[in-house]
């Protein structure tokens, strides 16, 4: 299991998505900060764990989220915390869009 802990630099952009209810998706990308930490646990060799940690900490990551129709959600307001795979968090309520 890979678990990251720390801050990330994140950006996002709206993209067309014909599978999304709104026809748009939010594509985000992030890169761990230089002080970010990562730990790999499991039944792997120490060299393999070290390689996975290094890879996670030195590459950009991304995800895409389908967006609902405006006003179609159950709740309104900004996101207070966005959980990313690996346990990373982006706090503050908004993801900056370019």
PDB file of N, CA and C in Angstrom:
ATOM      1  N   UNK A   1       0.844  -1.167   0.000  1.00  0.00           N
ATOM      2  CA  UNK A   1       0.000   0.000   0.000  1.00  0.00           C
ATOM      3  C   UNK A   1       0.892   1.232   0.000  1.00  0.00           C
ATOM      4  N   UNK A   2       0.576   2.191  -0.856  1.00  0.00           N
ATOM      5  CA  UNK A   2       1.296   3.466  -0.928  1.00  0.00           C
ATOM      6  C   UNK A   2       0.466   4.523  -0.236  1.00  0.00           C
ATOM      7  N   UNK A   3       1.091   5.271   0.665  1.00  0.00           N
ATOM      8  CA  UNK A   3       0.394   6.359   1.340  1.00  0.00           C
ATOM      9  C   UNK A   3       1.269   7.597   1.295  1.00  0.00           C
ATOM     10  N   UNK A   4       0.702   8.698   0.804  1.00  0.00           N
ATOM     11  CA  UNK A   4       1.406   9.968   0.749  1.00  0.00           C
ATOM     12  C   UNK A   4       0.893  10.892   1.832  1.00  0.00           C
ATOM     13  N   UNK A   5       1.742  11.821   2.273  1.00  0.00           N
ATOM     14  CA  UNK A   5       1.352  12.759   3.314  1.00  0.00           C
ATOM     15  C   UNK A   5       2.063  14.081   3.076  1.00  0.00           C
ATOM     16  N   UNK A   6       1.293  15.143   2.895  1.00  0.00           N
ATOM     17  CA  UNK A   6       1.872  16.455   2.696  1.00  0.00           C
ATOM     18  C   UNK A   6       1.042  17.280   1.734  1.00  0.00           C
ATOM     19  N   UNK A   7       1.613  18.392   1.325  1.00  0.00           N
ATOM     20  CA  UNK A   7       0.922  19.301   0.412  1.00  0.00           C
ATOM     21  C   UNK A   7       1.260  18.954  -1.028  1.00  0.00           C
ATOM     22  N   UNK A   8       0.330  19.324  -1.918  1.00  0.00           N
ATOM     23  CA  UNK A   8       0.529  19.130  -3.352  1.00  0.00           C
ATOM     24  C   UNK A   8       0.240  20.435  -4.067  1.00  0.00           C
ATOM     25  N   UNK A   9       0.878  20.650  -5.215  1.00  0.00           N
ATOM     26  CA  UNK A   9       0.548  21.757  -6.100  1.00  0.00           C
ATOM     27  C   UNK A   9      -0.463  21.204  -7.098  1.00  0.00           C
ATOM     28  N   UNK A  10      -1.651  21.819  -7.155  1.00  0.00           N
ATOM     29  CA  UNK A  10      -2.743  21.257  -7.949  1.00  0.00           C
ATOM     30  C   UNK A  10      -3.324  22.307  -8.886  1.00  0.00           C
ATOM     31  N   UNK A  11      -3.700  21.856 -10.081  1.00  0.00           N
ATOM     32  CA  UNK A  11      -4.410  22.735 -11.019  1.00  0.00           C
ATOM     33  C   UNK A  11      -5.484  21.901 -11.704  1.00  0.00           C
ATOM     34  N   UNK A  12      -6.459  22.589 -12.272  1.00  0.00           N
ATOM     35  CA  UNK A  12      -7.547  21.892 -12.937  1.00  0.00           C
ATOM     36  C   UNK A  12      -8.038  22.668 -14.146  1.00  0.00           C
ATOM     37  N   UNK A  13      -8.692  21.948 -15.041  1.00  0.00           N
ATOM     38  CA  UNK A  13      -9.232  22.565 -16.240  1.00  0.00           C
ATOM     39  C   UNK A  13     -10.543  21.854 -16.583  1.00  0.00           C
ATOM     40  N   UNK A  14     -11.514  22.605 -17.099  1.00  0.00           N
ATOM     41  CA  UNK A  14     -12.761  22.010 -17.574  1.00  0.00           C
ATOM     42  C   UNK A  14     -12.548  21.487 -18.986  1.00  0.00           C
ATOM     43  N   UNK A  15     -13.012  20.256 -19.227  1.00  0.00           N
ATOM     44  CA  UNK A  15     -12.852  19.637 -20.549  1.00  0.00           C
ATOM     45  C   UNK A  15     -14.197  19.082 -21.007  1.00  0.00           C
ATOM     46  N   UNK A  16     -14.429  19.003 -22.318  1.00  0.00           N
ATOM     47  CA  UNK A  16     -15.650  18.373 -22.819  1.00  0.00           C
ATOM     48  C   UNK A  16     -15.659  16.885 -22.450  1.00  0.00           C
ATOM     49  N   UNK A  17     -16.839  16.373 -22.100  1.00  0.00           N
ATOM     50  CA  UNK A  17     -16.970  14.953 -21.737  1.00  0.00           C
ATOM     51  C   UNK A  17     -18.377  14.516 -22.087  1.00  0.00           C
ATOM     52  N   UNK A  18     -18.522  13.785 -23.177  1.00  0.00           N
ATOM     53  CA  UNK A  18     -19.861  13.381 -23.630  1.00  0.00           C
ATOM     54  C   UNK A  18     -20.517  12.369 -22.706  1.00  0.00           C
ATOM     55  N   UNK A  19     -19.773  11.725 -21.798  1.00  0.00           N
ATOM     56  CA  UNK A  19     -20.354  10.760 -20.866  1.00  0.00           C
ATOM     57  C   UNK A  19     -20.858  11.428 -19.585  1.00  0.00           C
ATOM     58  N   UNK A  20     -20.447  12.658 -19.330  1.00  0.00           N
ATOM     59  CA  UNK A  20     -20.838  13.384 -18.123  1.00  0.00           C
ATOM     60  C   UNK A  20     -22.246  13.954 -18.280  1.00  0.00           C
ATOM     61  N   UNK A  21     -23.048  14.011 -17.199  1.00  0.00           N
ATOM     62  CA  UNK A  21     -24.399  14.581 -17.287  1.00  0.00           C
ATOM     63  C   UNK A  21     -24.412  16.023 -17.797  1.00  0.00           C
ATOM     64  N   UNK A  22     -23.356  16.784 -17.511  1.00  0.00           N
ATOM     65  CA  UNK A  22     -23.310  18.181 -17.940  1.00  0.00           C
ATOM     66  C   UNK A  22     -22.586  18.359 -19.271  1.00  0.00           C
ATOM     67  N   UNK A  23     -21.951  17.287 -19.756  1.00  0.00           N
ATOM     68  CA  UNK A  23     -21.156  17.405 -20.966  1.00  0.00           C
ATOM     69  C   UNK A  23     -19.746  17.924 -20.698  1.00  0.00           C
ATOM     70  N   UNK A  24     -19.402  18.087 -19.403  1.00  0.00           N
ATOM     71  CA  UNK A  24     -18.083  18.591 -19.029  1.00  0.00           C
ATOM     72  C   UNK A  24     -17.529  17.764 -17.878  1.00  0.00           C
ATOM     73  N   UNK A  25     -16.220  17.790 -17.741  1.00  0.00           N
ATOM     74  CA  UNK A  25     -15.543  17.138 -16.631  1.00  0.00           C
ATOM     75  C   UNK A  25     -14.456  18.074 -16.117  1.00  0.00           C
ATOM     76  N   UNK A  26     -14.065  17.864 -14.877  1.00  0.00           N
ATOM     77  CA  UNK A  26     -12.961  18.600 -14.285  1.00  0.00           C
ATOM     78  C   UNK A  26     -11.745  17.681 -14.319  1.00  0.00           C
ATOM     79  N   UNK A  27     -10.728  18.072 -15.050  1.00  0.00           N
ATOM     80  CA  UNK A  27      -9.472  17.308 -15.114  1.00  0.00           C
ATOM     81  C   UNK A  27      -8.464  18.006 -14.213  1.00  0.00           C
ATOM     82  N   UNK A  28      -8.002  17.313 -13.190  1.00  0.00           N
ATOM     83  CA  UNK A  28      -7.047  17.889 -12.247  1.00  0.00           C
ATOM     84  C   UNK A  28      -5.712  17.159 -12.357  1.00  0.00           C
ATOM     85  N   UNK A  29      -4.675  17.896 -12.070  1.00  0.00           N
ATOM     86  CA  UNK A  29      -3.345  17.285 -11.991  1.00  0.00           C
ATOM     87  C   UNK A  29      -2.650  17.878 -10.776  1.00  0.00           C
ATOM     88  N   UNK A  30      -1.796  17.068 -10.181  1.00  0.00           N
ATOM     89  CA  UNK A  30      -1.083  17.526  -8.998  1.00  0.00           C
ATOM     90  C   UNK A  30       0.288  16.894  -8.945  1.00  0.00           C
ATOM     91  N   UNK A  31       1.164  17.584  -8.235  1.00  0.00           N
ATOM     92  CA  UNK A  31       2.527  17.110  -8.032  1.00  0.00           C
ATOM     93  C   UNK A  31       2.846  17.311  -6.553  1.00  0.00           C
ATOM     94  N   UNK A  32       3.381  16.270  -5.905  1.00  0.00           N
ATOM     95  CA  UNK A  32       3.753  16.416  -4.503  1.00  0.00           C
ATOM     96  C   UNK A  32       4.805  17.516  -4.319  1.00  0.00           C
ATOM     97  N   UNK A  33       4.700  18.257  -3.201  1.00  0.00           N
ATOM     98  CA  UNK A  33       5.693  19.286  -2.888  1.00  0.00           C
ATOM     99  C   UNK A  33       7.010  18.615  -2.502  1.00  0.00           C
ATOM    100  N   UNK A  34       8.107  19.380  -2.508  1.00  0.00           N
ATOM    101  CA  UNK A  34       9.400  18.792  -2.152  1.00  0.00           C
ATOM    102  C   UNK A  34       9.446  18.212  -0.728  1.00  0.00           C
ATOM    103  N   UNK A  35       8.585  18.691   0.160  1.00  0.00           N
ATOM    104  CA  UNK A  35       8.581  18.193   1.543  1.00  0.00           C
ATOM    105  C   UNK A  35       7.573  17.064   1.753  1.00  0.00           C
ATOM    106  N   UNK A  36       6.905  16.665   0.688  1.00  0.00           N
ATOM    107  CA  UNK A  36       5.890  15.612   0.757  1.00  0.00           C
ATOM    108  C   UNK A  36       6.551  14.288   1.132  1.00  0.00           C
ATOM    109  N   UNK A  37       5.846  13.463   1.870  1.00  0.00           N
ATOM    110  CA  UNK A  37       6.372  12.160   2.241  1.00  0.00           C
ATOM    111  C   UNK A  37       5.555  11.045   1.617  1.00  0.00           C
ATOM    112  N   UNK A  38       6.144   9.878   1.500  1.00  0.00           N
ATOM    113  CA  UNK A  38       5.443   8.706   0.975  1.00  0.00           C
ATOM    114  C   UNK A  38       5.990   7.471   1.676  1.00  0.00           C
ATOM    115  N   UNK A  39       5.081   6.530   1.932  1.00  0.00           N
ATOM    116  CA  UNK A  39       5.458   5.275   2.566  1.00  0.00           C
ATOM    117  C   UNK A  39       4.779   4.132   1.830  1.00  0.00           C
ATOM    118  N   UNK A  40       5.534   3.091   1.543  1.00  0.00           N
ATOM    119  CA  UNK A  40       4.978   1.882   0.940  1.00  0.00           C
ATOM    120  C   UNK A  40       5.076   0.775   1.977  1.00  0.00           C
ATOM    121  N   UNK A  41       3.943   0.099   2.197  1.00  0.00           N
ATOM    122  CA  UNK A  41       3.908  -1.036   3.124  1.00  0.00           C
ATOM    123  C   UNK A  41       3.435  -2.259   2.365  1.00  0.00           C
ATOM    124  N   UNK A  42       3.873  -3.411   2.809  1.00  0.00           N
ATOM    125  CA  UNK A  42       3.442  -4.652   2.186  1.00  0.00           C
ATOM    126  C   UNK A  42       4.588  -5.634   2.057  1.00  0.00           C
ATOM    127  N   UNK A  43       4.274  -6.763   1.457  1.00  0.00           N
ATOM    128  CA  UNK A  43       5.243  -7.853   1.332  1.00  0.00           C
ATOM    129  C   UNK A  43       6.069  -7.699   0.062  1.00  0.00           C
ATOM    130  N   UNK A  44       6.804  -6.593  -0.061  1.00  0.00           N
ATOM    131  CA  UNK A  44       7.662  -6.343  -1.216  1.00  0.00           C
ATOM    132  C   UNK A  44       9.087  -6.124  -0.701  1.00  0.00           C
ATOM    133  N   UNK A  45      10.029  -6.197  -1.603  1.00  0.00           N
ATOM    134  CA  UNK A  45      11.414  -5.944  -1.211  1.00  0.00           C
ATOM    135  C   UNK A  45      11.602  -4.464  -0.871  1.00  0.00           C
ATOM    136  N   UNK A  46      12.607  -4.168  -0.075  1.00  0.00           N
ATOM    137  CA  UNK A  46      12.912  -2.785   0.297  1.00  0.00           C
ATOM    138  C   UNK A  46      13.250  -1.958  -0.936  1.00  0.00           C
ATOM    139  N   UNK A  47      13.964  -2.541  -1.899  1.00  0.00           N
ATOM    140  CA  UNK A  47      14.307  -1.818  -3.131  1.00  0.00           C
ATOM    141  C   UNK A  47      13.056  -1.457  -3.925  1.00  0.00           C
ATOM    142  N   UNK A  48      12.104  -2.373  -4.029  1.00  0.00           N
ATOM    143  CA  UNK A  48      10.856  -2.104  -4.741  1.00  0.00           C
ATOM    144  C   UNK A  48      10.081  -0.987  -4.043  1.00  0.00           C
ATOM    145  N   UNK A  49       9.973  -1.054  -2.709  1.00  0.00           N
ATOM    146  CA  UNK A  49       9.262  -0.011  -1.960  1.00  0.00           C
ATOM    147  C   UNK A  49       9.905   1.350  -2.186  1.00  0.00           C
ATOM    148  N   UNK A  50      11.228   1.413  -2.129  1.00  0.00           N
ATOM    149  CA  UNK A  50      11.943   2.672  -2.325  1.00  0.00           C
ATOM    150  C   UNK A  50      11.692   3.209  -3.735  1.00  0.00           C
ATOM    151  N   UNK A  51      11.665   2.335  -4.732  1.00  0.00           N
ATOM    152  CA  UNK A  51      11.421   2.754  -6.122  1.00  0.00           C
ATOM    153  C   UNK A  51      10.013   3.317  -6.297  1.00  0.00           C
ATOM    154  N   UNK A  52       9.021   2.681  -5.688  1.00  0.00           N
ATOM    155  CA  UNK A  52       7.632   3.169  -5.773  1.00  0.00           C
ATOM    156  C   UNK A  52       7.502   4.525  -5.082  1.00  0.00           C
ATOM    157  N   UNK A  53       8.097   4.669  -3.908  1.00  0.00           N
ATOM    158  CA  UNK A  53       8.063   5.960  -3.205  1.00  0.00           C
ATOM    159  C   UNK A  53       8.674   7.055  -4.066  1.00  0.00           C
ATOM    160  N   UNK A  54       9.846   6.784  -4.659  1.00  0.00           N
ATOM    161  CA  UNK A  54      10.519   7.771  -5.504  1.00  0.00           C
ATOM    162  C   UNK A  54       9.664   8.135  -6.716  1.00  0.00           C
ATOM    163  N   UNK A  55       9.066   7.136  -7.346  1.00  0.00           N
ATOM    164  CA  UNK A  55       8.221   7.396  -8.509  1.00  0.00           C
ATOM    165  C   UNK A  55       7.040   8.291  -8.107  1.00  0.00           C
ATOM    166  N   UNK A  56       6.373   7.963  -7.011  1.00  0.00           N
ATOM    167  CA  UNK A  56       5.218   8.744  -6.568  1.00  0.00           C
ATOM    168  C   UNK A  56       5.604  10.202  -6.300  1.00  0.00           C
ATOM    169  N   UNK A  57       6.749  10.410  -5.686  1.00  0.00           N
ATOM    170  CA  UNK A  57       7.158  11.751  -5.280  1.00  0.00           C
ATOM    171  C   UNK A  57       7.711  12.599  -6.415  1.00  0.00           C
ATOM    172  N   UNK A  58       8.027  12.008  -7.570  1.00  0.00           N
ATOM    173  CA  UNK A  58       8.702  12.765  -8.626  1.00  0.00           C
ATOM    174  C   UNK A  58       7.907  12.909  -9.918  1.00  0.00           C
ATOM    175  N   UNK A  59       6.694  12.388  -9.985  1.00  0.00           N
ATOM    176  CA  UNK A  59       5.901  12.525 -11.213  1.00  0.00           C
ATOM    177  C   UNK A  59       4.612  13.291 -10.937  1.00  0.00           C
ATOM    178  N   UNK A  60       4.001  13.813 -11.990  1.00  0.00           N
ATOM    179  CA  UNK A  60       2.688  14.448 -11.880  1.00  0.00           C
ATOM    180  C   UNK A  60       1.613  13.368 -11.908  1.00  0.00           C
ATOM    181  N   UNK A  61       0.538  13.600 -11.179  1.00  0.00           N
ATOM    182  CA  UNK A  61      -0.587  12.672 -11.102  1.00  0.00           C
ATOM    183  C   UNK A  61      -1.825  13.380 -11.628  1.00  0.00           C
ATOM    184  N   UNK A  62      -2.854  12.631 -12.011  1.00  0.00           N
ATOM    185  CA  UNK A  62      -4.059  13.261 -12.519  1.00  0.00           C
ATOM    186  C   UNK A  62      -5.289  12.407 -12.330  1.00  0.00           C
ATOM    187  N   UNK A  63      -6.429  13.072 -12.392  1.00  0.00           N
ATOM    188  CA  UNK A  63      -7.725  12.401 -12.308  1.00  0.00           C
ATOM    189  C   UNK A  63      -8.744  13.280 -13.017  1.00  0.00           C
ATOM    190  N   UNK A  64      -9.838  12.666 -13.450  1.00  0.00           N
ATOM    191  CA  UNK A  64     -10.903  13.395 -14.127  1.00  0.00           C
ATOM    192  C   UNK A  64     -12.223  13.078 -13.438  1.00  0.00           C
ATOM    193  N   UNK A  65     -13.030  14.115 -13.188  1.00  0.00           N
ATOM    194  CA  UNK A  65     -14.300  13.967 -12.480  1.00  0.00           C
ATOM    195  C   UNK A  65     -15.433  14.501 -13.351  1.00  0.00           C
ATOM    196  N   UNK A  66     -16.429  13.651 -13.632  1.00  0.00           N
ATOM    197  CA  UNK A  66     -17.609  14.095 -14.373  1.00  0.00           C
ATOM    198  C   UNK A  66     -18.350  15.128 -13.527  1.00  0.00           C
ATOM    199  N   UNK A  67     -18.902  16.145 -14.165  1.00  0.00           N
ATOM    200  CA  UNK A  67     -19.620  17.199 -13.448  1.00  0.00           C
ATOM    201  C   UNK A  67     -21.122  17.070 -13.676  1.00  0.00           C
ATOM    202  N   UNK A  68     -21.924  17.299 -12.624  1.00  0.00           N
ATOM    203  CA  UNK A  68     -23.378  17.266 -12.787  1.00  0.00           C
ATOM    204  C   UNK A  68     -23.865  18.517 -13.506  1.00  0.00           C
ATOM    205  N   UNK A  69     -25.117  18.492 -13.924  1.00  0.00           N
ATOM    206  CA  UNK A  69     -25.737  19.688 -14.485  1.00  0.00           C
ATOM    207  C   UNK A  69     -25.747  20.773 -13.416  1.00  0.00           C
ATOM    208  N   UNK A  70     -25.577  22.057 -13.784  1.00  0.00           N
ATOM    209  CA  UNK A  70     -25.650  23.133 -12.793  1.00  0.00           C
ATOM    210  C   UNK A  70     -26.969  23.069 -12.035  1.00  0.00           C
ATOM    211  N   UNK A  71     -26.896  23.161 -10.719  1.00  0.00           N
ATOM    212  CA  UNK A  71     -28.087  23.118  -9.882  1.00  0.00           C
ATOM    213  C   UNK A  71     -28.652  21.729  -9.697  1.00  0.00           C
ATOM    214  N   UNK A  72     -28.019  20.717 -10.257  1.00  0.00           N
ATOM    215  CA  UNK A  72     -28.539  19.362 -10.189  1.00  0.00           C
ATOM    216  C   UNK A  72     -28.035  18.556  -9.007  1.00  0.00           C
ATOM    217  N   UNK A  73     -27.120  19.139  -8.227  1.00  0.00           N
ATOM    218  CA  UNK A  73     -26.568  18.401  -7.097  1.00  0.00           C
ATOM    219  C   UNK A  73     -27.481  18.430  -5.892  1.00  0.00           C
ATOM    220  N   UNK A  74     -27.220  17.539  -4.947  1.00  0.00           N
ATOM    221  CA  UNK A  74     -28.027  17.483  -3.725  1.00  0.00           C
ATOM    222  C   UNK A  74     -27.669  18.590  -2.757  1.00  0.00           C
ATOM    223  N   UNK A  75     -26.411  19.058  -2.804  1.00  0.00           N
ATOM    224  CA  UNK A  75     -25.990  20.131  -1.907  1.00  0.00           C
ATOM    225  C   UNK A  75     -25.289  21.186  -2.729  1.00  0.00           C
ATOM    226  N   UNK A  76     -25.223  22.390  -2.205  1.00  0.00           N
ATOM    227  CA  UNK A  76     -24.532  23.479  -2.872  1.00  0.00           C
ATOM    228  C   UNK A  76     -23.277  23.841  -2.116  1.00  0.00           C
ATOM    229  N   UNK A  77     -22.534  24.787  -2.640  1.00  0.00           N
ATOM    230  CA  UNK A  77     -21.344  25.261  -1.955  1.00  0.00           C
ATOM    231  C   UNK A  77     -20.084  24.609  -2.490  1.00  0.00           C
ATOM    232  N   UNK A  78     -18.978  25.098  -1.969  1.00  0.00           N
ATOM    233  CA  UNK A  78     -17.670  24.626  -2.410  1.00  0.00           C
ATOM    234  C   UNK A  78     -17.262  23.365  -1.657  1.00  0.00           C
ATOM    235  N   UNK A  79     -16.342  22.665  -2.232  1.00  0.00           N
ATOM    236  CA  UNK A  79     -15.802  21.471  -1.591  1.00  0.00           C
ATOM    237  C   UNK A  79     -14.873  21.911  -0.471  1.00  0.00           C
ATOM    238  N   UNK A  80     -15.060  21.366   0.723  1.00  0.00           N
ATOM    239  CA  UNK A  80     -14.201  21.721   1.845  1.00  0.00           C
ATOM    240  C   UNK A  80     -12.900  20.953   1.836  1.00  0.00           C
ATOM    241  N   UNK A  81     -12.933  19.738   1.379  1.00  0.00           N
ATOM    242  CA  UNK A  81     -11.723  18.918   1.342  1.00  0.00           C
ATOM    243  C   UNK A  81     -11.869  17.912   0.212  1.00  0.00           C
ATOM    244  N   UNK A  82     -10.873  17.837  -0.634  1.00  0.00           N
ATOM    245  CA  UNK A  82     -10.861  16.880  -1.730  1.00  0.00           C
ATOM    246  C   UNK A  82      -9.844  15.815  -1.394  1.00  0.00           C
ATOM    247  N   UNK A  83     -10.293  14.566  -1.248  1.00  0.00           N
ATOM    248  CA  UNK A  83      -9.378  13.473  -0.920  1.00  0.00           C
ATOM    249  C   UNK A  83      -8.869  12.853  -2.211  1.00  0.00           C
ATOM    250  N   UNK A  84      -7.579  12.761  -2.303  1.00  0.00           N
ATOM    251  CA  UNK A  84      -6.940  12.154  -3.451  1.00  0.00           C
ATOM    252  C   UNK A  84      -6.444  10.775  -3.062  1.00  0.00           C
ATOM    253  N   UNK A  85      -6.329   9.913  -4.030  1.00  0.00           N
ATOM    254  CA  UNK A  85      -5.851   8.576  -3.754  1.00  0.00           C
ATOM    255  C   UNK A  85      -4.477   8.651  -3.100  1.00  0.00           C
ATOM    256  N   UNK A  86      -4.267   7.836  -2.089  1.00  0.00           N
ATOM    257  CA  UNK A  86      -3.005   7.860  -1.369  1.00  0.00           C
ATOM    258  C   UNK A  86      -3.108   8.664  -0.091  1.00  0.00           C
ATOM    259  N   UNK A  87      -4.284   9.244   0.190  1.00  0.00           N
ATOM    260  CA  UNK A  87      -4.479   9.961   1.433  1.00  0.00           C
ATOM    261  C   UNK A  87      -4.137  11.437   1.373  1.00  0.00           C
ATOM    262  N   UNK A  88      -3.723  11.955   0.224  1.00  0.00           N
ATOM    263  CA  UNK A  88      -3.419  13.377   0.125  1.00  0.00           C
ATOM    264  C   UNK A  88      -4.705  14.177   0.246  1.00  0.00           C
ATOM    265  N   UNK A  89      -4.589  15.399   0.721  1.00  0.00           N
ATOM    266  CA  UNK A  89      -5.763  16.256   0.843  1.00  0.00           C
ATOM    267  C   UNK A  89      -5.463  17.619   0.240  1.00  0.00           C
ATOM    268  N   UNK A  90      -6.467  18.196  -0.391  1.00  0.00           N
ATOM    269  CA  UNK A  90      -6.384  19.571  -0.859  1.00  0.00           C
ATOM    270  C   UNK A  90      -7.456  20.315  -0.082  1.00  0.00           C
ATOM    271  N   UNK A  91      -7.064  21.203   0.812  1.00  0.00           N
ATOM    272  CA  UNK A  91      -8.007  21.930   1.654  1.00  0.00           C
ATOM    273  C   UNK A  91      -8.223  23.344   1.138  1.00  0.00           C
ATOM    274  N   UNK A  92      -9.217  23.998   1.653  1.00  0.00           N
ATOM    275  CA  UNK A  92      -9.421  25.393   1.347  1.00  0.00           C
ATOM    276  C   UNK A  92     -10.668  25.670   0.541  1.00  0.00           C
ATOM    277  N   UNK A  93     -11.362  24.660   0.072  1.00  0.00           N
ATOM    278  CA  UNK A  93     -12.662  24.884  -0.526  1.00  0.00           C
ATOM    279  C   UNK A  93     -12.690  25.022  -2.030  1.00  0.00           C
ATOM    280  N   UNK A  94     -11.585  25.345  -2.680  1.00  0.00           N
ATOM    281  CA  UNK A  94     -11.656  25.536  -4.121  1.00  0.00           C
ATOM    282  C   UNK A  94     -10.441  24.939  -4.796  1.00  0.00           C
ATOM    283  N   UNK A  95     -10.654  24.401  -5.964  1.00  0.00           N
ATOM    284  CA  UNK A  95      -9.574  23.922  -6.800  1.00  0.00           C
ATOM    285  C   UNK A  95      -9.369  24.989  -7.866  1.00  0.00           C
ATOM    286  N   UNK A  96      -8.182  25.571  -7.971  1.00  0.00           N
ATOM    287  CA  UNK A  96      -7.984  26.636  -8.977  1.00  0.00           C
ATOM    288  C   UNK A  96      -8.121  26.073 -10.393  1.00  0.00           C
ATOM    289  N   UNK A  97      -8.805  26.823 -11.230  1.00  0.00           N
ATOM    290  CA  UNK A  97      -8.982  26.437 -12.633  1.00  0.00           C
ATOM    291  C   UNK A  97      -8.159  27.343 -13.513  1.00  0.00           C
ATOM    292  N   UNK A  98      -7.570  26.780 -14.542  1.00  0.00           N
ATOM    293  CA  UNK A  98      -6.817  27.589 -15.500  1.00  0.00           C
ATOM    294  C   UNK A  98      -7.639  27.770 -16.744  1.00  0.00           C
TER     295      UNK A  98
END
